[in-house]
């Protein structure tokens, strides 16, 4: 048994008897051991049970599993299902929807690598649909700069206070939703060299939040990409960017036991979201659906900012 600080056997002088050491909670004790040996990110900010207790209950079991961990994991499944459904039906929204919702549930340090895994899994499945439209040559500048920005984003995720990172995520989500909702006329960028700057920013956002889309979409809009070209270029960029992001998280050791456990619970949500999203594509009103998603993103972003 591990005896914590202040838990040594003591002697009661007033009653001339030896007192027994307090009984250490097996869950809390094991939590301390696993937290030291399994490296759970420190900026999770998890409510309730918390990441460390979730890890312990996953490994050692116990009655608390049904009371705390299982409901949380089922909510993860539902969030992933909704985000994948929106992505499959409308072509955007996976990270922008899942990140704000997951951050409040499992913490920013767990949500970011988890959504990276979910994104790659969905993109591999969707690859058959978009394969003919992929254009890697058109996004080479974006992708090259993104490789440089991704490690910086992963570093920020690990070193900066989780509350600050969460607030910035809220600003990004709400800001992009407002931009997409009002669709202001952006200036024409004739020089493709601008791709390096937008790609670098997308890489930083990808490493920290998995939200590389907004800078790349704005760049494509300023370059006046046609809709068909837009889709192919974005899918090519996202595919390459996801591979680089996964590599950076792997090197940084961010794929902890908590992340993999949540990913296993996310798999049913991914599959069901792809099926339902594919079925709904063409059966819903695109303009109204897109507007509803953008309004939701504004609310989610504001919630993250105000805490």
C-alpha atoms as a PDB file:
ATOM      1  CA  UNK A   1       0.000   0.000   0.000  1.00  0.00           C
ATOM      2  CA  UNK A   2       1.228   3.514  -0.787  1.00  0.00           C
ATOM      3  CA  UNK A   3       1.059   5.826   2.234  1.00  0.00           C
ATOM      4  CA  UNK A   4       0.762   9.481   1.256  1.00  0.00           C
ATOM      5  CA  UNK A   5       2.132  12.492   2.965  1.00  0.00           C
ATOM      6  CA  UNK A   6       0.868  12.783   6.513  1.00  0.00           C
ATOM      7  CA  UNK A   7      -0.383   9.196   6.622  1.00  0.00           C
ATOM      8  CA  UNK A   8       2.419   7.661   8.717  1.00  0.00           C
ATOM      9  CA  UNK A   9       1.583   5.729  11.881  1.00  0.00           C
ATOM     10  CA  UNK A  10       1.210   8.194  14.755  1.00  0.00           C
ATOM     11  CA  UNK A  11       1.021   8.021  18.591  1.00  0.00           C
ATOM     12  CA  UNK A  12      -1.836   9.572  20.588  1.00  0.00           C
ATOM     13  CA  UNK A  13      -0.204  10.963  23.778  1.00  0.00           C
ATOM     14  CA  UNK A  14      -3.509  11.956  25.425  1.00  0.00           C
ATOM     15  CA  UNK A  15      -4.904   8.464  25.329  1.00  0.00           C
ATOM     16  CA  UNK A  16      -1.556   6.634  25.466  1.00  0.00           C
ATOM     17  CA  UNK A  17      -2.391   4.441  22.521  1.00  0.00           C
ATOM     18  CA  UNK A  18      -1.108   4.026  19.027  1.00  0.00           C
ATOM     19  CA  UNK A  19      -3.421   5.288  16.320  1.00  0.00           C
ATOM     20  CA  UNK A  20      -3.918   3.408  13.114  1.00  0.00           C
ATOM     21  CA  UNK A  21      -3.006   5.107   9.885  1.00  0.00           C
ATOM     22  CA  UNK A  22      -5.928   6.427   7.867  1.00  0.00           C
ATOM     23  CA  UNK A  23      -7.102   4.046   5.211  1.00  0.00           C
ATOM     24  CA  UNK A  24      -5.904   5.250   1.846  1.00  0.00           C
ATOM     25  CA  UNK A  25      -8.411   5.178  -0.955  1.00  0.00           C
ATOM     26  CA  UNK A  26      -7.283   2.508  -3.444  1.00  0.00           C
ATOM     27  CA  UNK A  27      -8.623   4.552  -6.326  1.00  0.00           C
ATOM     28  CA  UNK A  28      -6.837   7.751  -5.307  1.00  0.00           C
ATOM     29  CA  UNK A  29      -3.612   5.891  -4.537  1.00  0.00           C
ATOM     30  CA  UNK A  30      -3.628   4.050  -7.827  1.00  0.00           C
ATOM     31  CA  UNK A  31      -4.521   7.297  -9.546  1.00  0.00           C
ATOM     32  CA  UNK A  32      -1.332   8.882  -8.258  1.00  0.00           C
ATOM     33  CA  UNK A  33       0.788   5.984  -9.492  1.00  0.00           C
ATOM     34  CA  UNK A  34      -0.762   5.946 -12.965  1.00  0.00           C
ATOM     35  CA  UNK A  35      -0.666   9.737 -13.269  1.00  0.00           C
ATOM     36  CA  UNK A  36       3.103   9.574 -12.720  1.00  0.00           C
ATOM     37  CA  UNK A  37       3.789   6.669 -15.016  1.00  0.00           C
ATOM     38  CA  UNK A  38       1.239   7.084 -17.759  1.00  0.00           C
ATOM     39  CA  UNK A  39       1.553  10.837 -18.489  1.00  0.00           C
ATOM     40  CA  UNK A  40      -1.910  12.285 -18.595  1.00  0.00           C
ATOM     41  CA  UNK A  41      -1.805  15.892 -19.900  1.00  0.00           C
ATOM     42  CA  UNK A  42      -1.911  18.355 -17.027  1.00  0.00           C
ATOM     43  CA  UNK A  43      -4.131  20.963 -18.697  1.00  0.00           C
ATOM     44  CA  UNK A  44      -7.184  18.781 -19.136  1.00  0.00           C
ATOM     45  CA  UNK A  45      -9.352  20.694 -16.687  1.00  0.00           C
ATOM     46  CA  UNK A  46     -11.705  17.752 -16.379  1.00  0.00           C
ATOM     47  CA  UNK A  47     -14.846  18.079 -14.308  1.00  0.00           C
ATOM     48  CA  UNK A  48     -16.234  15.335 -12.116  1.00  0.00           C
ATOM     49  CA  UNK A  49     -14.268  12.127 -12.193  1.00  0.00           C
ATOM     50  CA  UNK A  50     -11.372  13.519 -14.208  1.00  0.00           C
ATOM     51  CA  UNK A  51      -8.967  11.928 -16.628  1.00  0.00           C
ATOM     52  CA  UNK A  52      -6.757  10.322 -14.012  1.00  0.00           C
ATOM     53  CA  UNK A  53      -9.614   8.619 -12.208  1.00  0.00           C
ATOM     54  CA  UNK A  54     -11.023   7.528 -15.566  1.00  0.00           C
ATOM     55  CA  UNK A  55      -7.727   5.840 -16.376  1.00  0.00           C
ATOM     56  CA  UNK A  56      -7.669   4.103 -13.008  1.00  0.00           C
ATOM     57  CA  UNK A  57     -11.244   2.860 -13.248  1.00  0.00           C
ATOM     58  CA  UNK A  58     -10.599   1.597 -16.753  1.00  0.00           C
ATOM     59  CA  UNK A  59      -7.619  -0.468 -15.584  1.00  0.00           C
ATOM     60  CA  UNK A  60      -8.752  -1.641 -12.153  1.00  0.00           C
ATOM     61  CA  UNK A  61     -12.520  -1.721 -12.689  1.00  0.00           C
ATOM     62  CA  UNK A  62     -14.895  -1.136  -9.826  1.00  0.00           C
ATOM     63  CA  UNK A  63     -18.467  -0.136  -9.136  1.00  0.00           C
ATOM     64  CA  UNK A  64     -17.785   3.528  -9.872  1.00  0.00           C
ATOM     65  CA  UNK A  65     -17.270   2.649 -13.543  1.00  0.00           C
ATOM     66  CA  UNK A  66     -21.007   2.502 -14.179  1.00  0.00           C
ATOM     67  CA  UNK A  67     -21.638   5.709 -12.218  1.00  0.00           C
ATOM     68  CA  UNK A  68     -19.023   7.973 -13.743  1.00  0.00           C
ATOM     69  CA  UNK A  69     -16.969   6.686 -16.652  1.00  0.00           C
ATOM     70  CA  UNK A  70     -19.532   4.900 -18.816  1.00  0.00           C
ATOM     71  CA  UNK A  71     -21.966   7.855 -19.127  1.00  0.00           C
ATOM     72  CA  UNK A  72     -19.071  10.128 -20.081  1.00  0.00           C
ATOM     73  CA  UNK A  73     -17.905   7.738 -22.772  1.00  0.00           C
ATOM     74  CA  UNK A  74     -21.415   7.377 -24.146  1.00  0.00           C
ATOM     75  CA  UNK A  75     -21.653  11.156 -24.421  1.00  0.00           C
ATOM     76  CA  UNK A  76     -18.355  11.080 -26.354  1.00  0.00           C
ATOM     77  CA  UNK A  77     -19.973   8.618 -28.772  1.00  0.00           C
ATOM     78  CA  UNK A  78     -22.980  10.913 -29.261  1.00  0.00           C
ATOM     79  CA  UNK A  79     -20.822  14.010 -29.817  1.00  0.00           C
ATOM     80  CA  UNK A  80     -18.685  12.222 -32.399  1.00  0.00           C
ATOM     81  CA  UNK A  81     -21.802  10.907 -34.132  1.00  0.00           C
ATOM     82  CA  UNK A  82     -23.271  14.405 -34.420  1.00  0.00           C
ATOM     83  CA  UNK A  83     -20.003  15.950 -35.648  1.00  0.00           C
ATOM     84  CA  UNK A  84     -19.424  13.218 -38.253  1.00  0.00           C
ATOM     85  CA  UNK A  85     -23.046  13.483 -39.380  1.00  0.00           C
ATOM     86  CA  UNK A  86     -22.670  17.220 -39.973  1.00  0.00           C
ATOM     87  CA  UNK A  87     -19.326  16.717 -41.732  1.00  0.00           C
ATOM     88  CA  UNK A  88     -20.714  13.997 -43.991  1.00  0.00           C
ATOM     89  CA  UNK A  89     -23.924  15.862 -44.795  1.00  0.00           C
ATOM     90  CA  UNK A  90     -22.520  19.369 -45.279  1.00  0.00           C
ATOM     91  CA  UNK A  91     -18.803  18.912 -45.960  1.00  0.00           C
ATOM     92  CA  UNK A  92     -17.560  20.797 -42.873  1.00  0.00           C
ATOM     93  CA  UNK A  93     -17.879  20.913 -39.112  1.00  0.00           C
ATOM     94  CA  UNK A  94     -16.106  17.855 -37.688  1.00  0.00           C
ATOM     95  CA  UNK A  95     -13.507  19.637 -35.554  1.00  0.00           C
ATOM     96  CA  UNK A  96     -15.450  22.887 -35.205  1.00  0.00           C
ATOM     97  CA  UNK A  97     -18.362  21.030 -33.583  1.00  0.00           C
ATOM     98  CA  UNK A  98     -16.635  18.192 -31.744  1.00  0.00           C
ATOM     99  CA  UNK A  99     -13.839  20.230 -30.136  1.00  0.00           C
ATOM    100  CA  UNK A 100     -16.047  22.734 -28.229  1.00  0.00           C
ATOM    101  CA  UNK A 101     -18.330  19.954 -27.014  1.00  0.00           C
ATOM    102  CA  UNK A 102     -15.563  17.516 -26.038  1.00  0.00           C
ATOM    103  CA  UNK A 103     -13.408  20.109 -24.274  1.00  0.00           C
ATOM    104  CA  UNK A 104     -16.016  20.602 -21.565  1.00  0.00           C
ATOM    105  CA  UNK A 105     -16.360  16.847 -21.129  1.00  0.00           C
ATOM    106  CA  UNK A 106     -12.853  15.349 -21.321  1.00  0.00           C
ATOM    107  CA  UNK A 107     -10.527  18.368 -21.408  1.00  0.00           C
ATOM    108  CA  UNK A 108      -8.509  20.059 -24.134  1.00  0.00           C
ATOM    109  CA  UNK A 109      -5.465  17.803 -23.668  1.00  0.00           C
ATOM    110  CA  UNK A 110      -7.516  14.678 -24.402  1.00  0.00           C
ATOM    111  CA  UNK A 111      -9.957  16.156 -26.917  1.00  0.00           C
ATOM    112  CA  UNK A 112      -7.298  17.391 -29.367  1.00  0.00           C
ATOM    113  CA  UNK A 113      -5.526  14.058 -30.061  1.00  0.00           C
ATOM    114  CA  UNK A 114      -8.879  12.239 -29.923  1.00  0.00           C
ATOM    115  CA  UNK A 115     -10.417  14.422 -32.639  1.00  0.00           C
ATOM    116  CA  UNK A 116      -7.237  13.973 -34.699  1.00  0.00           C
ATOM    117  CA  UNK A 117      -7.792  10.204 -34.617  1.00  0.00           C
ATOM    118  CA  UNK A 118     -11.497  10.577 -35.383  1.00  0.00           C
ATOM    119  CA  UNK A 119     -10.742  12.906 -38.298  1.00  0.00           C
ATOM    120  CA  UNK A 120      -8.249  10.544 -39.923  1.00  0.00           C
ATOM    121  CA  UNK A 121     -10.612   7.598 -39.539  1.00  0.00           C
ATOM    122  CA  UNK A 122     -13.474   9.493 -41.194  1.00  0.00           C
ATOM    123  CA  UNK A 123     -11.235  10.810 -43.984  1.00  0.00           C
ATOM    124  CA  UNK A 124     -10.012   7.319 -44.838  1.00  0.00           C
ATOM    125  CA  UNK A 125     -13.615   6.157 -45.166  1.00  0.00           C
ATOM    126  CA  UNK A 126     -14.605   9.219 -47.215  1.00  0.00           C
ATOM    127  CA  UNK A 127     -11.543   8.884 -49.454  1.00  0.00           C
ATOM    128  CA  UNK A 128     -13.448   6.774 -51.976  1.00  0.00           C
ATOM    129  CA  UNK A 129     -16.002   9.544 -52.449  1.00  0.00           C
ATOM    130  CA  UNK A 130     -13.437  12.319 -53.015  1.00  0.00           C
ATOM    131  CA  UNK A 131     -10.538  10.396 -54.573  1.00  0.00           C
ATOM    132  CA  UNK A 132     -11.170  11.663 -58.097  1.00  0.00           C
ATOM    133  CA  UNK A 133     -11.214  15.285 -56.916  1.00  0.00           C
ATOM    134  CA  UNK A 134      -7.973  15.239 -54.891  1.00  0.00           C
ATOM    135  CA  UNK A 135      -5.362  17.727 -56.093  1.00  0.00           C
ATOM    136  CA  UNK A 136      -2.177  17.530 -54.039  1.00  0.00           C
ATOM    137  CA  UNK A 137      -0.221  19.829 -56.359  1.00  0.00           C
ATOM    138  CA  UNK A 138      -2.555  22.767 -55.708  1.00  0.00           C
ATOM    139  CA  UNK A 139      -1.998  22.598 -51.935  1.00  0.00           C
ATOM    140  CA  UNK A 140       1.749  21.917 -51.821  1.00  0.00           C
ATOM    141  CA  UNK A 141       2.512  25.371 -50.379  1.00  0.00           C
ATOM    142  CA  UNK A 142      -0.242  25.051 -47.792  1.00  0.00           C
ATOM    143  CA  UNK A 143       0.899  21.561 -46.779  1.00  0.00           C
ATOM    144  CA  UNK A 144       4.607  22.437 -46.625  1.00  0.00           C
ATOM    145  CA  UNK A 145       3.976  25.392 -44.307  1.00  0.00           C
ATOM    146  CA  UNK A 146       1.534  23.328 -42.264  1.00  0.00           C
ATOM    147  CA  UNK A 147       4.272  20.795 -41.467  1.00  0.00           C
ATOM    148  CA  UNK A 148       6.196  23.617 -39.773  1.00  0.00           C
ATOM    149  CA  UNK A 149       3.181  24.963 -37.891  1.00  0.00           C
ATOM    150  CA  UNK A 150       1.801  21.689 -36.507  1.00  0.00           C
ATOM    151  CA  UNK A 151       4.625  21.014 -33.980  1.00  0.00           C
ATOM    152  CA  UNK A 152       4.250  24.564 -32.679  1.00  0.00           C
ATOM    153  CA  UNK A 153       0.540  23.991 -32.130  1.00  0.00           C
ATOM    154  CA  UNK A 154       1.193  20.721 -30.289  1.00  0.00           C
ATOM    155  CA  UNK A 155       3.769  22.499 -28.113  1.00  0.00           C
ATOM    156  CA  UNK A 156       1.264  25.236 -27.257  1.00  0.00           C
ATOM    157  CA  UNK A 157      -1.286  22.559 -26.331  1.00  0.00           C
ATOM    158  CA  UNK A 158       1.116  21.021 -23.817  1.00  0.00           C
ATOM    159  CA  UNK A 159       2.654  24.150 -22.312  1.00  0.00           C
ATOM    160  CA  UNK A 160      -0.041  26.851 -22.229  1.00  0.00           C
ATOM    161  CA  UNK A 161      -2.736  26.944 -19.553  1.00  0.00           C
ATOM    162  CA  UNK A 162      -5.813  24.993 -20.622  1.00  0.00           C
ATOM    163  CA  UNK A 163      -8.204  27.860 -19.825  1.00  0.00           C
ATOM    164  CA  UNK A 164      -6.336  30.173 -22.177  1.00  0.00           C
ATOM    165  CA  UNK A 165      -6.266  27.570 -24.956  1.00  0.00           C
ATOM    166  CA  UNK A 166      -9.980  26.887 -24.502  1.00  0.00           C
ATOM    167  CA  UNK A 167     -10.862  30.591 -24.691  1.00  0.00           C
ATOM    168  CA  UNK A 168      -8.830  30.991 -27.892  1.00  0.00           C
ATOM    169  CA  UNK A 169     -10.617  27.972 -29.361  1.00  0.00           C
ATOM    170  CA  UNK A 170     -13.928  29.661 -28.604  1.00  0.00           C
ATOM    171  CA  UNK A 171     -12.825  32.830 -30.401  1.00  0.00           C
ATOM    172  CA  UNK A 172     -11.737  30.809 -33.451  1.00  0.00           C
ATOM    173  CA  UNK A 173     -14.985  28.814 -33.627  1.00  0.00           C
ATOM    174  CA  UNK A 174     -17.295  31.807 -33.148  1.00  0.00           C
ATOM    175  CA  UNK A 175     -15.187  34.036 -35.394  1.00  0.00           C
ATOM    176  CA  UNK A 176     -15.201  31.589 -38.285  1.00  0.00           C
ATOM    177  CA  UNK A 177     -18.942  30.970 -37.899  1.00  0.00           C
ATOM    178  CA  UNK A 178     -19.635  34.709 -38.078  1.00  0.00           C
ATOM    179  CA  UNK A 179     -17.417  35.006 -41.153  1.00  0.00           C
ATOM    180  CA  UNK A 180     -19.158  32.097 -42.893  1.00  0.00           C
ATOM    181  CA  UNK A 181     -22.605  33.340 -41.888  1.00  0.00           C
ATOM    182  CA  UNK A 182     -22.204  36.861 -43.267  1.00  0.00           C
ATOM    183  CA  UNK A 183     -19.820  35.874 -46.108  1.00  0.00           C
ATOM    184  CA  UNK A 184     -18.014  39.205 -46.552  1.00  0.00           C
ATOM    185  CA  UNK A 185     -16.323  39.922 -49.871  1.00  0.00           C
ATOM    186  CA  UNK A 186     -12.623  39.130 -49.439  1.00  0.00           C
ATOM    187  CA  UNK A 187      -9.820  40.604 -51.550  1.00  0.00           C
ATOM    188  CA  UNK A 188      -8.311  38.636 -54.420  1.00  0.00           C
ATOM    189  CA  UNK A 189      -4.919  37.065 -53.704  1.00  0.00           C
ATOM    190  CA  UNK A 190      -3.170  36.660 -57.034  1.00  0.00           C
ATOM    191  CA  UNK A 191       0.147  35.448 -55.644  1.00  0.00           C
ATOM    192  CA  UNK A 192       0.147  31.765 -54.600  1.00  0.00           C
ATOM    193  CA  UNK A 193       2.905  32.559 -52.110  1.00  0.00           C
ATOM    194  CA  UNK A 194       0.202  33.599 -49.662  1.00  0.00           C
ATOM    195  CA  UNK A 195      -0.378  29.869 -49.239  1.00  0.00           C
ATOM    196  CA  UNK A 196       2.685  29.609 -47.004  1.00  0.00           C
ATOM    197  CA  UNK A 197       1.267  32.022 -44.452  1.00  0.00           C
ATOM    198  CA  UNK A 198      -2.221  30.540 -44.421  1.00  0.00           C
ATOM    199  CA  UNK A 199      -0.793  27.018 -44.343  1.00  0.00           C
ATOM    200  CA  UNK A 200       1.436  27.818 -41.371  1.00  0.00           C
ATOM    201  CA  UNK A 201      -1.501  29.272 -39.443  1.00  0.00           C
ATOM    202  CA  UNK A 202      -3.584  26.228 -40.363  1.00  0.00           C
ATOM    203  CA  UNK A 203      -0.823  23.958 -39.072  1.00  0.00           C
ATOM    204  CA  UNK A 204      -0.644  25.750 -35.707  1.00  0.00           C
ATOM    205  CA  UNK A 205      -4.422  25.526 -35.320  1.00  0.00           C
ATOM    206  CA  UNK A 206      -4.346  21.872 -36.367  1.00  0.00           C
ATOM    207  CA  UNK A 207      -1.733  20.941 -33.775  1.00  0.00           C
ATOM    208  CA  UNK A 208      -3.526  22.755 -30.961  1.00  0.00           C
ATOM    209  CA  UNK A 209      -7.198  22.369 -31.915  1.00  0.00           C
ATOM    210  CA  UNK A 210      -7.576  20.277 -35.117  1.00  0.00           C
ATOM    211  CA  UNK A 211      -9.194  23.380 -36.655  1.00  0.00           C
ATOM    212  CA  UNK A 212      -6.973  23.928 -39.691  1.00  0.00           C
ATOM    213  CA  UNK A 213      -9.980  24.530 -41.942  1.00  0.00           C
ATOM    214  CA  UNK A 214     -10.778  28.251 -41.430  1.00  0.00           C
ATOM    215  CA  UNK A 215      -7.444  29.674 -42.706  1.00  0.00           C
ATOM    216  CA  UNK A 216      -7.410  27.315 -45.704  1.00  0.00           C
ATOM    217  CA  UNK A 217     -11.031  28.072 -46.581  1.00  0.00           C
ATOM    218  CA  UNK A 218     -10.354  31.807 -46.403  1.00  0.00           C
ATOM    219  CA  UNK A 219      -7.267  31.333 -48.597  1.00  0.00           C
ATOM    220  CA  UNK A 220      -9.247  29.357 -51.170  1.00  0.00           C
ATOM    221  CA  UNK A 221     -11.935  32.027 -51.180  1.00  0.00           C
ATOM    222  CA  UNK A 222      -9.355  34.766 -51.771  1.00  0.00           C
ATOM    223  CA  UNK A 223      -7.861  32.694 -54.594  1.00  0.00           C
ATOM    224  CA  UNK A 224     -11.343  32.370 -56.138  1.00  0.00           C
ATOM    225  CA  UNK A 225     -11.295  28.576 -56.346  1.00  0.00           C
ATOM    226  CA  UNK A 226     -14.268  27.135 -58.187  1.00  0.00           C
ATOM    227  CA  UNK A 227     -16.578  24.904 -56.061  1.00  0.00           C
ATOM    228  CA  UNK A 228     -15.373  21.622 -57.592  1.00  0.00           C
ATOM    229  CA  UNK A 229     -11.728  22.679 -57.292  1.00  0.00           C
ATOM    230  CA  UNK A 230     -12.369  23.920 -53.776  1.00  0.00           C
ATOM    231  CA  UNK A 231     -13.613  20.515 -52.631  1.00  0.00           C
ATOM    232  CA  UNK A 232     -10.715  18.596 -54.155  1.00  0.00           C
ATOM    233  CA  UNK A 233      -8.063  20.983 -52.829  1.00  0.00           C
ATOM    234  CA  UNK A 234      -9.509  20.968 -49.317  1.00  0.00           C
ATOM    235  CA  UNK A 235      -9.714  17.178 -49.139  1.00  0.00           C
ATOM    236  CA  UNK A 236      -6.122  16.843 -50.346  1.00  0.00           C
ATOM    237  CA  UNK A 237      -4.907  19.352 -47.766  1.00  0.00           C
ATOM    238  CA  UNK A 238      -6.901  17.809 -44.914  1.00  0.00           C
ATOM    239  CA  UNK A 239      -5.612  14.327 -45.722  1.00  0.00           C
ATOM    240  CA  UNK A 240      -1.957  15.396 -45.694  1.00  0.00           C
ATOM    241  CA  UNK A 241      -2.467  17.661 -42.694  1.00  0.00           C
ATOM    242  CA  UNK A 242      -4.088  14.869 -40.672  1.00  0.00           C
ATOM    243  CA  UNK A 243      -1.116  12.555 -41.259  1.00  0.00           C
ATOM    244  CA  UNK A 244       1.316  15.231 -40.097  1.00  0.00           C
ATOM    245  CA  UNK A 245      -0.831  16.063 -37.060  1.00  0.00           C
ATOM    246  CA  UNK A 246      -1.040  12.414 -35.976  1.00  0.00           C
ATOM    247  CA  UNK A 247       2.720  12.112 -36.292  1.00  0.00           C
ATOM    248  CA  UNK A 248       3.304  15.177 -34.132  1.00  0.00           C
ATOM    249  CA  UNK A 249       0.929  13.941 -31.406  1.00  0.00           C
ATOM    250  CA  UNK A 250       2.599  10.517 -31.472  1.00  0.00           C
ATOM    251  CA  UNK A 251       6.078  11.991 -31.039  1.00  0.00           C
ATOM    252  CA  UNK A 252       4.808  14.201 -28.195  1.00  0.00           C
ATOM    253  CA  UNK A 253       3.267  11.230 -26.393  1.00  0.00           C
ATOM    254  CA  UNK A 254      -0.254  12.668 -26.443  1.00  0.00           C
ATOM    255  CA  UNK A 255      -1.969   9.386 -27.331  1.00  0.00           C
ATOM    256  CA  UNK A 256      -2.495   8.253 -23.754  1.00  0.00           C
ATOM    257  CA  UNK A 257      -4.633   5.382 -22.501  1.00  0.00           C
ATOM    258  CA  UNK A 258      -7.465   7.875 -21.924  1.00  0.00           C
ATOM    259  CA  UNK A 259      -7.348   9.003 -25.557  1.00  0.00           C
ATOM    260  CA  UNK A 260      -7.401   5.447 -26.936  1.00  0.00           C
ATOM    261  CA  UNK A 261     -10.240   4.469 -24.628  1.00  0.00           C
ATOM    262  CA  UNK A 262     -12.334   7.411 -25.799  1.00  0.00           C
ATOM    263  CA  UNK A 263     -11.421   6.604 -29.409  1.00  0.00           C
ATOM    264  CA  UNK A 264     -12.785   3.058 -29.056  1.00  0.00           C
ATOM    265  CA  UNK A 265     -16.061   4.499 -27.803  1.00  0.00           C
ATOM    266  CA  UNK A 266     -16.029   7.027 -30.664  1.00  0.00           C
ATOM    267  CA  UNK A 267     -15.848   4.345 -33.374  1.00  0.00           C
ATOM    268  CA  UNK A 268     -19.599   3.507 -33.278  1.00  0.00           C
ATOM    269  CA  UNK A 269     -20.343   7.219 -33.524  1.00  0.00           C
ATOM    270  CA  UNK A 270     -18.059   7.535 -36.556  1.00  0.00           C
ATOM    271  CA  UNK A 271     -19.704   4.629 -38.368  1.00  0.00           C
ATOM    272  CA  UNK A 272     -23.275   5.669 -37.603  1.00  0.00           C
ATOM    273  CA  UNK A 273     -22.541   9.324 -38.392  1.00  0.00           C
ATOM    274  CA  UNK A 274     -21.126   8.436 -41.818  1.00  0.00           C
ATOM    275  CA  UNK A 275     -24.126   6.262 -42.671  1.00  0.00           C
ATOM    276  CA  UNK A 276     -26.764   8.746 -41.508  1.00  0.00           C
ATOM    277  CA  UNK A 277     -24.876  11.705 -42.993  1.00  0.00           C
ATOM    278  CA  UNK A 278     -24.576  10.001 -46.374  1.00  0.00           C
ATOM    279  CA  UNK A 279     -28.303   9.196 -46.288  1.00  0.00           C
ATOM    280  CA  UNK A 280     -29.228  12.788 -45.342  1.00  0.00           C
ATOM    281  CA  UNK A 281     -27.007  14.304 -48.044  1.00  0.00           C
ATOM    282  CA  UNK A 282     -29.405  15.476 -50.742  1.00  0.00           C
ATOM    283  CA  UNK A 283     -32.456  15.044 -48.524  1.00  0.00           C
ATOM    284  CA  UNK A 284     -31.955  18.182 -46.441  1.00  0.00           C
ATOM    285  CA  UNK A 285     -32.057  21.837 -47.395  1.00  0.00           C
ATOM    286  CA  UNK A 286     -28.329  22.729 -47.623  1.00  0.00           C
ATOM    287  CA  UNK A 287     -28.712  26.466 -46.989  1.00  0.00           C
ATOM    288  CA  UNK A 288     -30.926  26.109 -43.908  1.00  0.00           C
ATOM    289  CA  UNK A 289     -28.860  23.239 -42.525  1.00  0.00           C
ATOM    290  CA  UNK A 290     -25.617  25.187 -42.975  1.00  0.00           C
ATOM    291  CA  UNK A 291     -27.107  28.274 -41.328  1.00  0.00           C
ATOM    292  CA  UNK A 292     -28.280  26.222 -38.367  1.00  0.00           C
ATOM    293  CA  UNK A 293     -24.825  24.677 -37.927  1.00  0.00           C
ATOM    294  CA  UNK A 294     -23.154  28.106 -38.058  1.00  0.00           C
ATOM    295  CA  UNK A 295     -25.517  29.517 -35.433  1.00  0.00           C
ATOM    296  CA  UNK A 296     -24.720  26.527 -33.221  1.00  0.00           C
ATOM    297  CA  UNK A 297     -20.995  27.174 -33.667  1.00  0.00           C
ATOM    298  CA  UNK A 298     -21.436  30.782 -32.572  1.00  0.00           C
ATOM    299  CA  UNK A 299     -23.137  29.643 -29.373  1.00  0.00           C
ATOM    300  CA  UNK A 300     -20.483  26.987 -28.705  1.00  0.00           C
ATOM    301  CA  UNK A 301     -17.700  29.517 -29.262  1.00  0.00           C
ATOM    302  CA  UNK A 302     -19.233  32.057 -26.915  1.00  0.00           C
ATOM    303  CA  UNK A 303     -19.678  29.358 -24.280  1.00  0.00           C
ATOM    304  CA  UNK A 304     -15.991  28.483 -24.439  1.00  0.00           C
ATOM    305  CA  UNK A 305     -14.939  32.123 -24.151  1.00  0.00           C
ATOM    306  CA  UNK A 306     -17.123  32.971 -21.162  1.00  0.00           C
ATOM    307  CA  UNK A 307     -16.338  29.632 -19.482  1.00  0.00           C
END
